[in-house]
Amino acid sequence: MTAVRVTVPASTANLGPGFDCLGMALNLYNIVEMQEASGLEIIVEGEGAGSIARDASNLVYRAATLLLNKAGYRPPGLNIRLINNIPLARGLGSSSAAILGGLLAANALSGGTFSSAELLDMALELEGHADNLAAALWGGIAVVAPVEGRVRHVQLDPPAGLKVIAAVPDYTLSTAASRQVLPETIPYRDAVYNLGRLALLIAALSRQDTDLFSVAMQDVLHQPYRSALIPGMDRIMQAARDAGARSVTLSGAGPTITAFACEREADIARAMQQSMQDSGINCRVLILQPDHRGAVWSRL
């Protein structure tokens, strides 16, 4: 019986000013193993082992059945094994990884009918925005924009030697809750501020110029509003800058805080962990690198 394995990277979205339009894949991975079976069995190991659903509401299974229905392929059941390394509900793309893992595994089982672009469109039906999805699917840095119901994207190579230091608190924060604190409208000057930073960031990334990050990753559209949900966020970010980070941002909807550096990553990690502890928050700090390959699958 055919069995497949899919490996999907974590991702950090927004990168400061690129709200819902920028994402970067990271070298932290979830694995989905899937094969046809007589019924549904879901095994979860690692992150979320005690909380992730093991029935038809499971996100990996929902993504898989979405694709299988579109393909007209209906196995009697599925055996799914999830090996999770991406923290859940922390702003590191765990839901995108689950969705893509289910879609790619089901696509492989059903004969590979759908292209990567079609898989992204399907993923959007479950996720709603493409920044994490496109980064995790193709690797590197994804620049995305919705155009007439489809996603247009450009992939950029991350700067050589870039490290991403992720301070992951021990509490969760859902994307829905993090979006609820955002205002319905923003001042014109704030839109102009972010447009300038985003343009500068894209130029910096295109030139592999991390010296511009300290200015180019500034943001006033989402991070100031979300800081109320993350104790000590401003102090933690400043501690990372003082320790040598080129820039510091909220990872996606949070609560993970990411620092970007090309050196002194261990010093930055210690400073972020100490600052979180001083704010009464237990955390783990991961020193990561950009993933360049994106999601991949193989037969077992």
C-alpha atoms as a PDB file:
ATOM      1  CA  MET A   1       0.000   0.000   0.000  1.00  0.00           C
ATOM      2  CA  THR A   2       1.378   3.406  -0.982  1.00  0.00           C
ATOM      3  CA  ALA A   3       2.524   5.637   1.867  1.00  0.00           C
ATOM      4  CA  VAL A   4       3.975   9.138   1.592  1.00  0.00           C
ATOM      5  CA  ARG A   5       5.896  11.514   3.829  1.00  0.00           C
ATOM      6  CA  VAL A   6       5.662  15.305   3.595  1.00  0.00           C
ATOM      7  CA  THR A   7       8.042  17.709   5.339  1.00  0.00           C
ATOM      8  CA  VAL A   8       6.831  21.300   5.760  1.00  0.00           C
ATOM      9  CA  PRO A   9       8.878  24.182   7.216  1.00  0.00           C
ATOM     10  CA  ALA A  10       7.791  26.690   9.819  1.00  0.00           C
ATOM     11  CA  SER A  11       7.459  30.289   8.730  1.00  0.00           C
ATOM     12  CA  THR A  12       7.484  33.807  10.104  1.00  0.00           C
ATOM     13  CA  ALA A  13       5.096  36.275   8.526  1.00  0.00           C
ATOM     14  CA  ASN A  14       4.892  40.045   8.052  1.00  0.00           C
ATOM     15  CA  LEU A  15       8.619  40.715   8.744  1.00  0.00           C
ATOM     16  CA  GLY A  16       7.534  44.000  10.279  1.00  0.00           C
ATOM     17  CA  PRO A  17       5.797  46.196   7.688  1.00  0.00           C
ATOM     18  CA  GLY A  18       4.662  43.444   5.298  1.00  0.00           C
ATOM     19  CA  PHE A  19       1.319  42.740   6.949  1.00  0.00           C
ATOM     20  CA  ASP A  20      -0.303  39.729   5.227  1.00  0.00           C
ATOM     21  CA  CYS A  21       2.050  40.011   2.236  1.00  0.00           C
ATOM     22  CA  LEU A  22       5.498  38.791   3.393  1.00  0.00           C
ATOM     23  CA  GLY A  23       6.611  35.472   4.822  1.00  0.00           C
ATOM     24  CA  MET A  24       9.882  33.597   5.327  1.00  0.00           C
ATOM     25  CA  ALA A  25      10.331  29.833   5.648  1.00  0.00           C
ATOM     26  CA  LEU A  26      12.438  28.583   8.572  1.00  0.00           C
ATOM     27  CA  ASN A  27      14.388  25.368   9.168  1.00  0.00           C
ATOM     28  CA  LEU A  28      12.005  23.920  11.727  1.00  0.00           C
ATOM     29  CA  TYR A  29       9.750  21.200  10.326  1.00  0.00           C
ATOM     30  CA  ASN A  30       6.529  19.267  10.740  1.00  0.00           C
ATOM     31  CA  ILE A  31       6.255  15.843   9.130  1.00  0.00           C
ATOM     32  CA  VAL A  32       3.064  14.236   7.835  1.00  0.00           C
ATOM     33  CA  GLU A  33       3.037  10.536   6.982  1.00  0.00           C
ATOM     34  CA  MET A  34      -0.091   9.281   5.240  1.00  0.00           C
ATOM     35  CA  GLN A  35      -1.379   6.093   3.704  1.00  0.00           C
ATOM     36  CA  GLU A  36      -4.719   4.616   2.739  1.00  0.00           C
ATOM     37  CA  ALA A  37      -6.471   2.532   5.385  1.00  0.00           C
ATOM     38  CA  SER A  38      -9.836   0.966   6.157  1.00  0.00           C
ATOM     39  CA  GLY A  39     -10.778   3.792   8.531  1.00  0.00           C
ATOM     40  CA  LEU A  40      -9.405   6.987  10.052  1.00  0.00           C
ATOM     41  CA  GLU A  41      -6.454   6.789  12.438  1.00  0.00           C
ATOM     42  CA  ILE A  42      -4.422   9.862  13.447  1.00  0.00           C
ATOM     43  CA  ILE A  43      -1.278   9.632  15.562  1.00  0.00           C
ATOM     44  CA  VAL A  44       0.280  12.834  16.917  1.00  0.00           C
ATOM     45  CA  GLU A  45       3.851  13.088  18.225  1.00  0.00           C
ATOM     46  CA  GLY A  46       5.730  16.134  19.479  1.00  0.00           C
ATOM     47  CA  GLU A  47       4.081  19.549  19.633  1.00  0.00           C
ATOM     48  CA  GLY A  48       0.364  19.317  20.314  1.00  0.00           C
ATOM     49  CA  ALA A  49       0.441  15.599  21.132  1.00  0.00           C
ATOM     50  CA  GLY A  50      -1.971  16.156  23.994  1.00  0.00           C
ATOM     51  CA  SER A  51      -4.286  18.663  22.338  1.00  0.00           C
ATOM     52  CA  ILE A  52      -4.535  18.142  18.565  1.00  0.00           C
ATOM     53  CA  ALA A  53      -7.769  16.494  17.420  1.00  0.00           C
ATOM     54  CA  ARG A  54      -7.561  12.910  16.236  1.00  0.00           C
ATOM     55  CA  ASP A  55     -10.927  12.811  14.476  1.00  0.00           C
ATOM     56  CA  ALA A  56     -12.406  14.302  11.306  1.00  0.00           C
ATOM     57  CA  SER A  57     -11.943  17.839  12.690  1.00  0.00           C
ATOM     58  CA  ASN A  58      -8.138  17.480  12.480  1.00  0.00           C
ATOM     59  CA  LEU A  59      -6.736  20.195  10.215  1.00  0.00           C
ATOM     60  CA  VAL A  60      -4.395  17.875   8.310  1.00  0.00           C
ATOM     61  CA  TYR A  61      -7.280  15.496   7.639  1.00  0.00           C
ATOM     62  CA  ARG A  62      -9.603  18.347   6.610  1.00  0.00           C
ATOM     63  CA  ALA A  63      -7.008  19.577   4.112  1.00  0.00           C
ATOM     64  CA  ALA A  64      -6.475  16.067   2.770  1.00  0.00           C
ATOM     65  CA  THR A  65     -10.198  15.432   2.285  1.00  0.00           C
ATOM     66  CA  LEU A  66     -10.620  18.805   0.579  1.00  0.00           C
ATOM     67  CA  LEU A  67      -8.098  17.773  -2.064  1.00  0.00           C
ATOM     68  CA  LEU A  68      -9.288  14.172  -2.362  1.00  0.00           C
ATOM     69  CA  ASN A  69     -12.845  15.362  -2.982  1.00  0.00           C
ATOM     70  CA  LYS A  70     -11.657  17.764  -5.682  1.00  0.00           C
ATOM     71  CA  ALA A  71      -9.631  14.938  -7.245  1.00  0.00           C
ATOM     72  CA  GLY A  72     -12.590  12.550  -7.117  1.00  0.00           C
ATOM     73  CA  TYR A  73     -10.439  10.093  -5.216  1.00  0.00           C
ATOM     74  CA  ARG A  74     -12.114   8.466  -2.225  1.00  0.00           C
ATOM     75  CA  PRO A  75     -10.088   5.931  -0.243  1.00  0.00           C
ATOM     76  CA  PRO A  76     -11.985   4.057   2.475  1.00  0.00           C
ATOM     77  CA  GLY A  77      -9.896   5.733   5.152  1.00  0.00           C
ATOM     78  CA  LEU A  78      -6.529   7.240   6.014  1.00  0.00           C
ATOM     79  CA  ASN A  79      -3.763   6.478   8.459  1.00  0.00           C
ATOM     80  CA  ILE A  80      -2.041   9.767   9.363  1.00  0.00           C
ATOM     81  CA  ARG A  81       1.022  10.179  11.541  1.00  0.00           C
ATOM     82  CA  LEU A  82       1.991  13.721  12.561  1.00  0.00           C
ATOM     83  CA  ILE A  83       5.483  14.442  13.854  1.00  0.00           C
ATOM     84  CA  ASN A  84       5.317  18.077  14.958  1.00  0.00           C
ATOM     85  CA  ASN A  85       8.252  20.330  15.770  1.00  0.00           C
ATOM     86  CA  ILE A  86       6.560  23.684  15.130  1.00  0.00           C
ATOM     87  CA  PRO A  87       5.012  25.184  18.289  1.00  0.00           C
ATOM     88  CA  LEU A  88       1.236  25.598  18.039  1.00  0.00           C
ATOM     89  CA  ALA A  89      -0.491  29.001  18.035  1.00  0.00           C
ATOM     90  CA  ARG A  90       2.772  30.872  18.505  1.00  0.00           C
ATOM     91  CA  GLY A  91       3.053  32.753  15.203  1.00  0.00           C
ATOM     92  CA  LEU A  92       5.375  30.280  13.458  1.00  0.00           C
ATOM     93  CA  GLY A  93       2.998  28.955  10.818  1.00  0.00           C
ATOM     94  CA  SER A  94       1.831  25.735  12.470  1.00  0.00           C
ATOM     95  CA  SER A  95      -1.602  25.881  10.840  1.00  0.00           C
ATOM     96  CA  SER A  96      -0.091  26.561   7.411  1.00  0.00           C
ATOM     97  CA  ALA A  97       2.243  23.598   7.877  1.00  0.00           C
ATOM     98  CA  ALA A  98      -0.689  21.361   8.816  1.00  0.00           C
ATOM     99  CA  ILE A  99      -2.762  22.449   5.830  1.00  0.00           C
ATOM    100  CA  LEU A 100       0.084  22.069   3.341  1.00  0.00           C
ATOM    101  CA  GLY A 101       1.080  18.733   4.847  1.00  0.00           C
ATOM    102  CA  GLY A 102      -2.426  17.386   4.338  1.00  0.00           C
ATOM    103  CA  LEU A 103      -2.739  18.772   0.823  1.00  0.00           C
ATOM    104  CA  LEU A 104       0.646  17.573  -0.438  1.00  0.00           C
ATOM    105  CA  ALA A 105       0.229  14.103   1.076  1.00  0.00           C
ATOM    106  CA  ALA A 106      -3.252  13.696  -0.397  1.00  0.00           C
ATOM    107  CA  ASN A 107      -2.064  15.014  -3.750  1.00  0.00           C
ATOM    108  CA  ALA A 108       0.717  12.436  -3.818  1.00  0.00           C
ATOM    109  CA  LEU A 109      -1.654   9.603  -2.823  1.00  0.00           C
ATOM    110  CA  SER A 110      -4.175  10.555  -5.502  1.00  0.00           C
ATOM    111  CA  GLY A 111      -1.668  10.761  -8.346  1.00  0.00           C
ATOM    112  CA  GLY A 112      -0.317  14.310  -8.200  1.00  0.00           C
ATOM    113  CA  THR A 113      -3.161  15.907 -10.126  1.00  0.00           C
ATOM    114  CA  PHE A 114      -2.729  19.424  -8.809  1.00  0.00           C
ATOM    115  CA  SER A 115       0.087  21.951  -9.326  1.00  0.00           C
ATOM    116  CA  SER A 116       1.728  23.892  -6.507  1.00  0.00           C
ATOM    117  CA  ALA A 117      -0.234  27.000  -7.471  1.00  0.00           C
ATOM    118  CA  GLU A 118      -3.488  25.038  -7.278  1.00  0.00           C
ATOM    119  CA  LEU A 119      -2.476  23.640  -3.907  1.00  0.00           C
ATOM    120  CA  LEU A 120      -1.931  27.189  -2.645  1.00  0.00           C
ATOM    121  CA  ASP A 121      -5.398  28.200  -3.830  1.00  0.00           C
ATOM    122  CA  MET A 122      -6.879  25.223  -1.952  1.00  0.00           C
ATOM    123  CA  ALA A 123      -4.882  26.076   1.150  1.00  0.00           C
ATOM    124  CA  LEU A 124      -6.353  29.567   1.104  1.00  0.00           C
ATOM    125  CA  GLU A 125      -9.815  28.068   1.483  1.00  0.00           C
ATOM    126  CA  LEU A 126      -8.734  26.887   4.936  1.00  0.00           C
ATOM    127  CA  GLU A 127      -6.219  29.554   6.010  1.00  0.00           C
ATOM    128  CA  GLY A 128      -7.489  32.819   4.534  1.00  0.00           C
ATOM    129  CA  HIS A 129      -4.146  34.543   3.886  1.00  0.00           C
ATOM    130  CA  ALA A 130      -1.138  33.418   1.882  1.00  0.00           C
ATOM    131  CA  ASP A 131       1.997  34.829   3.530  1.00  0.00           C
ATOM    132  CA  ASN A 132       2.890  31.795   5.680  1.00  0.00           C
ATOM    133  CA  LEU A 133       1.465  29.374   3.116  1.00  0.00           C
ATOM    134  CA  ALA A 134       3.528  30.584   0.145  1.00  0.00           C
ATOM    135  CA  ALA A 135       6.724  30.764   2.196  1.00  0.00           C
ATOM    136  CA  ALA A 136       6.276  27.246   3.552  1.00  0.00           C
ATOM    137  CA  LEU A 137       5.260  25.839   0.170  1.00  0.00           C
ATOM    138  CA  TRP A 138       8.129  27.257  -1.886  1.00  0.00           C
ATOM    139  CA  GLY A 139      10.753  28.207   0.704  1.00  0.00           C
ATOM    140  CA  GLY A 140      12.740  31.398   0.980  1.00  0.00           C
ATOM    141  CA  ILE A 141      10.888  34.698   1.272  1.00  0.00           C
ATOM    142  CA  ALA A 142       7.452  34.966  -0.306  1.00  0.00           C
ATOM    143  CA  VAL A 143       5.934  38.243  -1.460  1.00  0.00           C
ATOM    144  CA  VAL A 144       2.222  37.663  -2.010  1.00  0.00           C
ATOM    145  CA  ALA A 145      -0.852  39.589  -3.116  1.00  0.00           C
ATOM    146  CA  PRO A 146      -4.427  38.397  -3.719  1.00  0.00           C
ATOM    147  CA  VAL A 147      -5.510  39.181  -7.282  1.00  0.00           C
ATOM    148  CA  GLU A 148      -9.044  38.321  -8.431  1.00  0.00           C
ATOM    149  CA  GLY A 149      -9.355  35.361  -6.124  1.00  0.00           C
ATOM    150  CA  ARG A 150      -5.892  33.970  -6.874  1.00  0.00           C
ATOM    151  CA  VAL A 151      -2.491  34.566  -5.300  1.00  0.00           C
ATOM    152  CA  ARG A 152       0.318  36.262  -7.183  1.00  0.00           C
ATOM    153  CA  HIS A 153       3.680  35.664  -5.592  1.00  0.00           C
ATOM    154  CA  VAL A 154       7.385  36.370  -6.016  1.00  0.00           C
ATOM    155  CA  GLN A 155      10.031  34.324  -4.243  1.00  0.00           C
ATOM    156  CA  LEU A 156      13.168  36.029  -2.934  1.00  0.00           C
ATOM    157  CA  ASP A 157      16.342  34.472  -1.556  1.00  0.00           C
ATOM    158  CA  PRO A 158      17.039  35.372   2.086  1.00  0.00           C
ATOM    159  CA  PRO A 159      20.327  37.181   2.732  1.00  0.00           C
ATOM    160  CA  ALA A 160      23.320  34.870   3.101  1.00  0.00           C
ATOM    161  CA  GLY A 161      24.245  34.128   6.708  1.00  0.00           C
ATOM    162  CA  LEU A 162      20.954  35.374   8.118  1.00  0.00           C
ATOM    163  CA  LYS A 163      19.886  33.909  11.467  1.00  0.00           C
ATOM    164  CA  VAL A 164      16.404  34.169  12.954  1.00  0.00           C
ATOM    165  CA  ILE A 165      16.296  34.033  16.738  1.00  0.00           C
ATOM    166  CA  ALA A 166      12.770  33.125  17.834  1.00  0.00           C
ATOM    167  CA  ALA A 167      11.743  33.702  21.451  1.00  0.00           C
ATOM    168  CA  VAL A 168       8.711  31.434  21.901  1.00  0.00           C
ATOM    169  CA  PRO A 169       6.614  32.135  25.035  1.00  0.00           C
ATOM    170  CA  ASP A 170       4.945  29.291  26.884  1.00  0.00           C
ATOM    171  CA  TYR A 171       1.465  30.710  26.225  1.00  0.00           C
ATOM    172  CA  THR A 172      -0.554  30.614  23.022  1.00  0.00           C
ATOM    173  CA  LEU A 173      -2.218  33.409  21.058  1.00  0.00           C
ATOM    174  CA  SER A 174      -4.684  32.649  18.287  1.00  0.00           C
ATOM    175  CA  THR A 175      -4.557  34.586  15.038  1.00  0.00           C
ATOM    176  CA  ALA A 176      -8.234  35.454  15.469  1.00  0.00           C
ATOM    177  CA  ALA A 177      -7.634  37.015  18.882  1.00  0.00           C
ATOM    178  CA  SER A 178      -4.596  38.892  17.607  1.00  0.00           C
ATOM    179  CA  ARG A 179      -6.584  40.305  14.688  1.00  0.00           C
ATOM    180  CA  GLN A 180      -9.421  41.458  16.934  1.00  0.00           C
ATOM    181  CA  VAL A 181      -7.229  44.181  18.460  1.00  0.00           C
ATOM    182  CA  LEU A 182      -6.490  45.751  15.065  1.00  0.00           C
ATOM    183  CA  PRO A 183      -8.473  48.881  14.141  1.00  0.00           C
ATOM    184  CA  GLU A 184     -10.958  48.963  11.267  1.00  0.00           C
ATOM    185  CA  THR A 185      -9.216  52.002   9.754  1.00  0.00           C
ATOM    186  CA  ILE A 186      -5.753  53.543  10.007  1.00  0.00           C
ATOM    187  CA  PRO A 187      -4.453  57.101   9.599  1.00  0.00           C
ATOM    188  CA  TYR A 188      -3.178  58.016   6.149  1.00  0.00           C
ATOM    189  CA  ARG A 189       0.243  58.845   7.611  1.00  0.00           C
ATOM    190  CA  ASP A 190       0.539  55.320   9.041  1.00  0.00           C
ATOM    191  CA  ALA A 191      -0.197  53.781   5.641  1.00  0.00           C
ATOM    192  CA  VAL A 192       2.484  55.964   4.046  1.00  0.00           C
ATOM    193  CA  TYR A 193       4.927  55.087   6.831  1.00  0.00           C
ATOM    194  CA  ASN A 194       4.519  51.354   6.245  1.00  0.00           C
ATOM    195  CA  LEU A 195       4.565  51.667   2.454  1.00  0.00           C
ATOM    196  CA  GLY A 196       7.949  53.351   2.645  1.00  0.00           C
ATOM    197  CA  ARG A 197       9.353  50.731   5.016  1.00  0.00           C
ATOM    198  CA  LEU A 198       7.979  47.871   2.943  1.00  0.00           C
ATOM    199  CA  ALA A 199       9.462  49.301  -0.257  1.00  0.00           C
ATOM    200  CA  LEU A 200      12.802  49.720   1.497  1.00  0.00           C
ATOM    201  CA  LEU A 201      12.635  46.164   2.861  1.00  0.00           C
ATOM    202  CA  ILE A 202      11.940  44.617  -0.556  1.00  0.00           C
ATOM    203  CA  ALA A 203      14.846  46.611  -1.997  1.00  0.00           C
ATOM    204  CA  ALA A 204      17.092  45.513   0.876  1.00  0.00           C
ATOM    205  CA  LEU A 205      16.140  41.864   0.401  1.00  0.00           C
ATOM    206  CA  SER A 206      16.699  42.098  -3.344  1.00  0.00           C
ATOM    207  CA  ARG A 207      20.191  43.479  -2.687  1.00  0.00           C
ATOM    208  CA  GLN A 208      20.901  41.067   0.214  1.00  0.00           C
ATOM    209  CA  ASP A 209      21.474  44.155   2.374  1.00  0.00           C
ATOM    210  CA  THR A 210      20.779  43.452   6.044  1.00  0.00           C
ATOM    211  CA  ASP A 211      22.194  46.828   7.126  1.00  0.00           C
ATOM    212  CA  LEU A 212      18.866  48.404   6.169  1.00  0.00           C
ATOM    213  CA  PHE A 213      16.816  46.009   8.310  1.00  0.00           C
ATOM    214  CA  SER A 214      16.772  48.245  11.391  1.00  0.00           C
ATOM    215  CA  VAL A 215      14.754  50.854   9.503  1.00  0.00           C
ATOM    216  CA  ALA A 216      13.098  48.701   6.830  1.00  0.00           C
ATOM    217  CA  MET A 217      11.407  46.342   9.324  1.00  0.00           C
ATOM    218  CA  GLN A 218       9.711  49.105  11.317  1.00  0.00           C
ATOM    219  CA  ASP A 219       5.925  48.938  11.482  1.00  0.00           C
ATOM    220  CA  VAL A 220       2.959  50.939  12.781  1.00  0.00           C
ATOM    221  CA  LEU A 221       0.054  48.961  11.283  1.00  0.00           C
ATOM    222  CA  HIS A 222      -0.178  45.919  13.534  1.00  0.00           C
ATOM    223  CA  GLN A 223       2.625  45.548  16.092  1.00  0.00           C
ATOM    224  CA  PRO A 224       1.745  48.550  18.297  1.00  0.00           C
ATOM    225  CA  TYR A 225      -1.826  47.280  18.657  1.00  0.00           C
ATOM    226  CA  ARG A 226      -0.791  43.696  19.340  1.00  0.00           C
ATOM    227  CA  SER A 227       1.764  44.689  21.974  1.00  0.00           C
ATOM    228  CA  ALA A 228      -1.091  44.885  24.516  1.00  0.00           C
ATOM    229  CA  LEU A 229      -1.449  41.098  24.203  1.00  0.00           C
ATOM    230  CA  ILE A 230       2.250  40.367  24.722  1.00  0.00           C
ATOM    231  CA  PRO A 231       3.677  41.339  28.105  1.00  0.00           C
ATOM    232  CA  GLY A 232       7.011  43.145  27.878  1.00  0.00           C
ATOM    233  CA  MET A 233       7.126  43.095  24.061  1.00  0.00           C
ATOM    234  CA  ASP A 234       8.853  46.455  23.673  1.00  0.00           C
ATOM    235  CA  ARG A 235      11.447  45.645  26.355  1.00  0.00           C
ATOM    236  CA  ILE A 236      12.181  42.254  24.823  1.00  0.00           C
ATOM    237  CA  MET A 237      12.634  43.796  21.381  1.00  0.00           C
ATOM    238  CA  GLN A 238      14.973  46.450  22.765  1.00  0.00           C
ATOM    239  CA  ALA A 239      17.013  43.818  24.609  1.00  0.00           C
ATOM    240  CA  ALA A 240      17.529  41.972  21.322  1.00  0.00           C
ATOM    241  CA  ARG A 241      18.608  45.171  19.557  1.00  0.00           C
ATOM    242  CA  ASP A 242      21.015  46.032  22.370  1.00  0.00           C
ATOM    243  CA  ALA A 243      22.542  42.555  22.051  1.00  0.00           C
ATOM    244  CA  GLY A 244      23.231  43.035  18.331  1.00  0.00           C
ATOM    245  CA  ALA A 245      20.073  42.188  16.344  1.00  0.00           C
ATOM    246  CA  ARG A 246      19.731  43.934  12.989  1.00  0.00           C
ATOM    247  CA  SER A 247      15.960  44.129  13.562  1.00  0.00           C
ATOM    248  CA  VAL A 248      13.250  42.616  15.739  1.00  0.00           C
ATOM    249  CA  THR A 249       9.636  41.879  14.832  1.00  0.00           C
ATOM    250  CA  LEU A 250       6.557  40.107  16.050  1.00  0.00           C
ATOM    251  CA  SER A 251       6.352  36.776  14.246  1.00  0.00           C
ATOM    252  CA  GLY A 252       3.034  36.692  12.443  1.00  0.00           C
ATOM    253  CA  ALA A 253       0.202  37.242  14.905  1.00  0.00           C
ATOM    254  CA  GLY A 254       2.539  36.462  17.829  1.00  0.00           C
ATOM    255  CA  PRO A 255       3.298  35.862  20.576  1.00  0.00           C
ATOM    256  CA  THR A 256       6.724  34.711  19.307  1.00  0.00           C
ATOM    257  CA  ILE A 257       9.206  37.540  18.854  1.00  0.00           C
ATOM    258  CA  THR A 258      11.839  37.150  16.132  1.00  0.00           C
ATOM    259  CA  ALA A 259      15.217  38.850  15.930  1.00  0.00           C
ATOM    260  CA  PHE A 260      17.213  38.941  12.697  1.00  0.00           C
ATOM    261  CA  ALA A 261      20.997  38.832  12.842  1.00  0.00           C
ATOM    262  CA  CYS A 262      24.138  37.795  10.999  1.00  0.00           C
ATOM    263  CA  GLU A 263      26.299  37.501  14.103  1.00  0.00           C
ATOM    264  CA  ARG A 264      26.070  37.329  17.915  1.00  0.00           C
ATOM    265  CA  GLU A 265      22.989  35.139  17.704  1.00  0.00           C
ATOM    266  CA  ALA A 266      23.812  33.370  20.999  1.00  0.00           C
ATOM    267  CA  ASP A 267      24.098  36.727  22.808  1.00  0.00           C
ATOM    268  CA  ILE A 268      20.789  37.838  21.318  1.00  0.00           C
ATOM    269  CA  ALA A 269      19.106  34.585  22.360  1.00  0.00           C
ATOM    270  CA  ARG A 270      20.296  34.984  25.959  1.00  0.00           C
ATOM    271  CA  ALA A 271      19.189  38.607  26.087  1.00  0.00           C
ATOM    272  CA  MET A 272      15.712  37.790  24.769  1.00  0.00           C
ATOM    273  CA  GLN A 273      15.256  34.891  27.179  1.00  0.00           C
ATOM    274  CA  GLN A 274      16.381  36.999  30.146  1.00  0.00           C
ATOM    275  CA  SER A 275      14.100  39.863  29.172  1.00  0.00           C
ATOM    276  CA  MET A 276      11.124  37.506  28.869  1.00  0.00           C
ATOM    277  CA  GLN A 277      11.910  36.007  32.259  1.00  0.00           C
ATOM    278  CA  ASP A 278      12.121  39.525  33.720  1.00  0.00           C
ATOM    279  CA  SER A 279       8.610  40.089  32.334  1.00  0.00           C
ATOM    280  CA  GLY A 280       7.402  36.956  34.116  1.00  0.00           C
ATOM    281  CA  ILE A 281       7.246  34.818  30.964  1.00  0.00           C
ATOM    282  CA  ASN A 282       8.730  31.362  30.557  1.00  0.00           C
ATOM    283  CA  CYS A 283       9.997  30.787  27.042  1.00  0.00           C
ATOM    284  CA  ARG A 284      12.299  28.800  24.824  1.00  0.00           C
ATOM    285  CA  VAL A 285      14.579  30.442  22.306  1.00  0.00           C
ATOM    286  CA  LEU A 286      15.272  28.830  18.938  1.00  0.00           C
ATOM    287  CA  ILE A 287      18.173  29.896  16.734  1.00  0.00           C
ATOM    288  CA  LEU A 288      16.953  29.200  13.205  1.00  0.00           C
ATOM    289  CA  GLN A 289      17.955  29.810   9.619  1.00  0.00           C
ATOM    290  CA  PRO A 290      15.857  30.444   6.510  1.00  0.00           C
ATOM    291  CA  ASP A 291      14.645  27.358   4.686  1.00  0.00           C
ATOM    292  CA  HIS A 292      15.291  27.550   0.928  1.00  0.00           C
ATOM    293  CA  ARG A 293      13.553  24.374  -0.221  1.00  0.00           C
ATOM    294  CA  GLY A 294       9.994  24.602   1.052  1.00  0.00           C
ATOM    295  CA  ALA A 295       7.624  21.668   1.457  1.00  0.00           C
ATOM    296  CA  VAL A 296       8.762  18.344  -0.046  1.00  0.00           C
ATOM    297  CA  TRP A 297       7.294  14.867  -0.233  1.00  0.00           C
ATOM    298  CA  SER A 298       8.623  11.365  -0.789  1.00  0.00           C
ATOM    299  CA  ARG A 299       7.321   7.828  -0.810  1.00  0.00           C
ATOM    300  CA  LEU A 300       7.833   5.669   2.266  1.00  0.00           C
END
